[in-house]
Amino acid sequence: MAYFTYILKCADSSLYTWITTDLDRRLREHNWELIWWAKYTLARKPCELLYHEEYENRSEASKREIEIKKMKREKKLELISKNK
């Protein structure tokens, strides 16, 4: 099973980073097309998937998630733009 670290852009232009095993399902949950308790994105929908990386296991994806969350916004935007 693959794991993904992803970055969303929310309607208020904030960036949200997390991990999942199913990008499509998770984006639908963030946009409340499916029921989910993603409190941060509830008031910030719609959300758009801007970036993702694939990993073989949860540990690697989680480590990368932490690295990305520690980045300043400018670095996250640079990461996103380099991979378009």
C-alpha atoms as a PDB file:
ATOM      1  CA  MET A   1       0.000   0.000   0.000  1.00  0.00           C
ATOM      2  CA  ALA A   2       1.306   3.421  -0.940  1.00  0.00           C
ATOM      3  CA  TYR A   3       1.170   6.423   1.352  1.00  0.00           C
ATOM      4  CA  PHE A   4       1.038  10.011   0.173  1.00  0.00           C
ATOM      5  CA  THR A   5       2.146  13.224   1.808  1.00  0.00           C
ATOM      6  CA  TYR A   6       0.070  16.025   0.326  1.00  0.00           C
ATOM      7  CA  ILE A   7      -0.462  19.782   0.386  1.00  0.00           C
ATOM      8  CA  LEU A   8      -3.846  21.403  -0.117  1.00  0.00           C
ATOM      9  CA  LYS A   9      -4.637  25.020  -0.799  1.00  0.00           C
ATOM     10  CA  CYS A  10      -7.760  26.053   1.074  1.00  0.00           C
ATOM     11  CA  ALA A  11     -10.266  28.738   0.045  1.00  0.00           C
ATOM     12  CA  ASP A  12      -8.607  31.212   2.443  1.00  0.00           C
ATOM     13  CA  SER A  13      -5.242  30.542   0.683  1.00  0.00           C
ATOM     14  CA  SER A  14      -3.846  28.648   3.670  1.00  0.00           C
ATOM     15  CA  LEU A  15      -1.821  25.501   3.018  1.00  0.00           C
ATOM     16  CA  TYR A  16      -2.711  22.220   4.714  1.00  0.00           C
ATOM     17  CA  THR A  17      -0.335  19.227   4.858  1.00  0.00           C
ATOM     18  CA  TRP A  18      -1.169  15.667   5.868  1.00  0.00           C
ATOM     19  CA  ILE A  19      -0.807  12.020   4.790  1.00  0.00           C
ATOM     20  CA  THR A  20      -3.229   9.510   3.273  1.00  0.00           C
ATOM     21  CA  THR A  21      -3.427   6.235   1.377  1.00  0.00           C
ATOM     22  CA  ASP A  22      -6.095   7.560  -1.024  1.00  0.00           C
ATOM     23  CA  LEU A  23      -5.687  11.087  -2.397  1.00  0.00           C
ATOM     24  CA  ASP A  24      -9.052  11.220  -4.179  1.00  0.00           C
ATOM     25  CA  ARG A  25     -11.045  10.065  -1.156  1.00  0.00           C
ATOM     26  CA  ARG A  26      -9.164  12.387   1.174  1.00  0.00           C
ATOM     27  CA  LEU A  27      -9.728  15.430  -1.019  1.00  0.00           C
ATOM     28  CA  ARG A  28     -13.434  14.599  -1.153  1.00  0.00           C
ATOM     29  CA  GLU A  29     -13.452  14.354   2.648  1.00  0.00           C
ATOM     30  CA  HIS A  30     -11.748  17.733   3.002  1.00  0.00           C
ATOM     31  CA  ASN A  31     -14.349  19.274   0.726  1.00  0.00           C
ATOM     32  CA  TRP A  32     -17.122  17.532   2.678  1.00  0.00           C
ATOM     33  CA  GLU A  33     -18.335  15.482  -0.268  1.00  0.00           C
ATOM     34  CA  LEU A  34     -17.830  12.558   2.110  1.00  0.00           C
ATOM     35  CA  ILE A  35     -18.403  12.803   5.843  1.00  0.00           C
ATOM     36  CA  TRP A  36     -15.167  13.371   7.732  1.00  0.00           C
ATOM     37  CA  TRP A  37     -14.074  15.363  10.765  1.00  0.00           C
ATOM     38  CA  ALA A  38     -11.410  17.504   9.113  1.00  0.00           C
ATOM     39  CA  LYS A  39     -12.088  20.519  11.308  1.00  0.00           C
ATOM     40  CA  TYR A  40      -9.376  22.725   9.823  1.00  0.00           C
ATOM     41  CA  THR A  41     -10.721  22.477   6.299  1.00  0.00           C
ATOM     42  CA  LEU A  42     -14.401  22.580   7.282  1.00  0.00           C
ATOM     43  CA  ALA A  43     -14.431  26.392   7.351  1.00  0.00           C
ATOM     44  CA  ARG A  44     -11.884  26.687   4.546  1.00  0.00           C
ATOM     45  CA  LYS A  45     -13.423  24.700   1.730  1.00  0.00           C
ATOM     46  CA  PRO A  46     -13.170  24.238  -1.143  1.00  0.00           C
ATOM     47  CA  CYS A  47      -9.697  22.758  -1.011  1.00  0.00           C
ATOM     48  CA  GLU A  48      -7.471  22.074  -3.992  1.00  0.00           C
ATOM     49  CA  LEU A  49      -4.747  19.446  -4.141  1.00  0.00           C
ATOM     50  CA  LEU A  50      -1.541  21.257  -5.147  1.00  0.00           C
ATOM     51  CA  TYR A  51       1.166  18.735  -4.393  1.00  0.00           C
ATOM     52  CA  HIS A  52       1.832  15.168  -3.329  1.00  0.00           C
ATOM     53  CA  GLU A  53       4.684  12.727  -2.854  1.00  0.00           C
ATOM     54  CA  GLU A  54       4.371   8.933  -2.732  1.00  0.00           C
ATOM     55  CA  TYR A  55       6.028   6.701  -0.128  1.00  0.00           C
ATOM     56  CA  GLU A  56       6.169   2.962   0.475  1.00  0.00           C
ATOM     57  CA  ASN A  57       5.227   3.146   4.146  1.00  0.00           C
ATOM     58  CA  ARG A  58       3.504   5.332   6.713  1.00  0.00           C
ATOM     59  CA  SER A  59       6.707   6.095   8.588  1.00  0.00           C
ATOM     60  CA  GLU A  60       8.396   7.701   5.571  1.00  0.00           C
ATOM     61  CA  ALA A  61       5.264   9.676   4.675  1.00  0.00           C
ATOM     62  CA  SER A  62       4.901  10.908   8.265  1.00  0.00           C
ATOM     63  CA  LYS A  63       8.531  12.017   8.433  1.00  0.00           C
ATOM     64  CA  ARG A  64       8.106  14.005   5.240  1.00  0.00           C
ATOM     65  CA  GLU A  65       4.833  15.484   6.520  1.00  0.00           C
ATOM     66  CA  ILE A  66       6.685  16.806   9.576  1.00  0.00           C
ATOM     67  CA  GLU A  67       9.447  18.265   7.385  1.00  0.00           C
ATOM     68  CA  ILE A  68       6.933  20.066   5.185  1.00  0.00           C
ATOM     69  CA  LYS A  69       4.935  21.368   8.153  1.00  0.00           C
ATOM     70  CA  LYS A  70       8.112  22.927   9.546  1.00  0.00           C
ATOM     71  CA  MET A  71       8.739  24.820   6.292  1.00  0.00           C
ATOM     72  CA  LYS A  72       7.805  28.460   5.942  1.00  0.00           C
ATOM     73  CA  ARG A  73       5.019  29.182   3.480  1.00  0.00           C
ATOM     74  CA  GLU A  74       7.452  30.493   0.864  1.00  0.00           C
ATOM     75  CA  LYS A  75       9.409  27.215   0.905  1.00  0.00           C
ATOM     76  CA  LYS A  76       6.195  25.208   0.534  1.00  0.00           C
ATOM     77  CA  LEU A  77       5.157  27.313  -2.453  1.00  0.00           C
ATOM     78  CA  GLU A  78       8.623  26.847  -3.957  1.00  0.00           C
ATOM     79  CA  LEU A  79       8.322  23.074  -3.505  1.00  0.00           C
ATOM     80  CA  ILE A  80       4.915  23.117  -5.192  1.00  0.00           C
ATOM     81  CA  SER A  81       6.040  25.269  -8.117  1.00  0.00           C
ATOM     82  CA  LYS A  82       9.127  23.123  -8.790  1.00  0.00           C
ATOM     83  CA  ASN A  83       6.933  20.062  -9.231  1.00  0.00           C
ATOM     84  CA  LYS A  84       4.234  21.409 -11.547  1.00  0.00           C
END
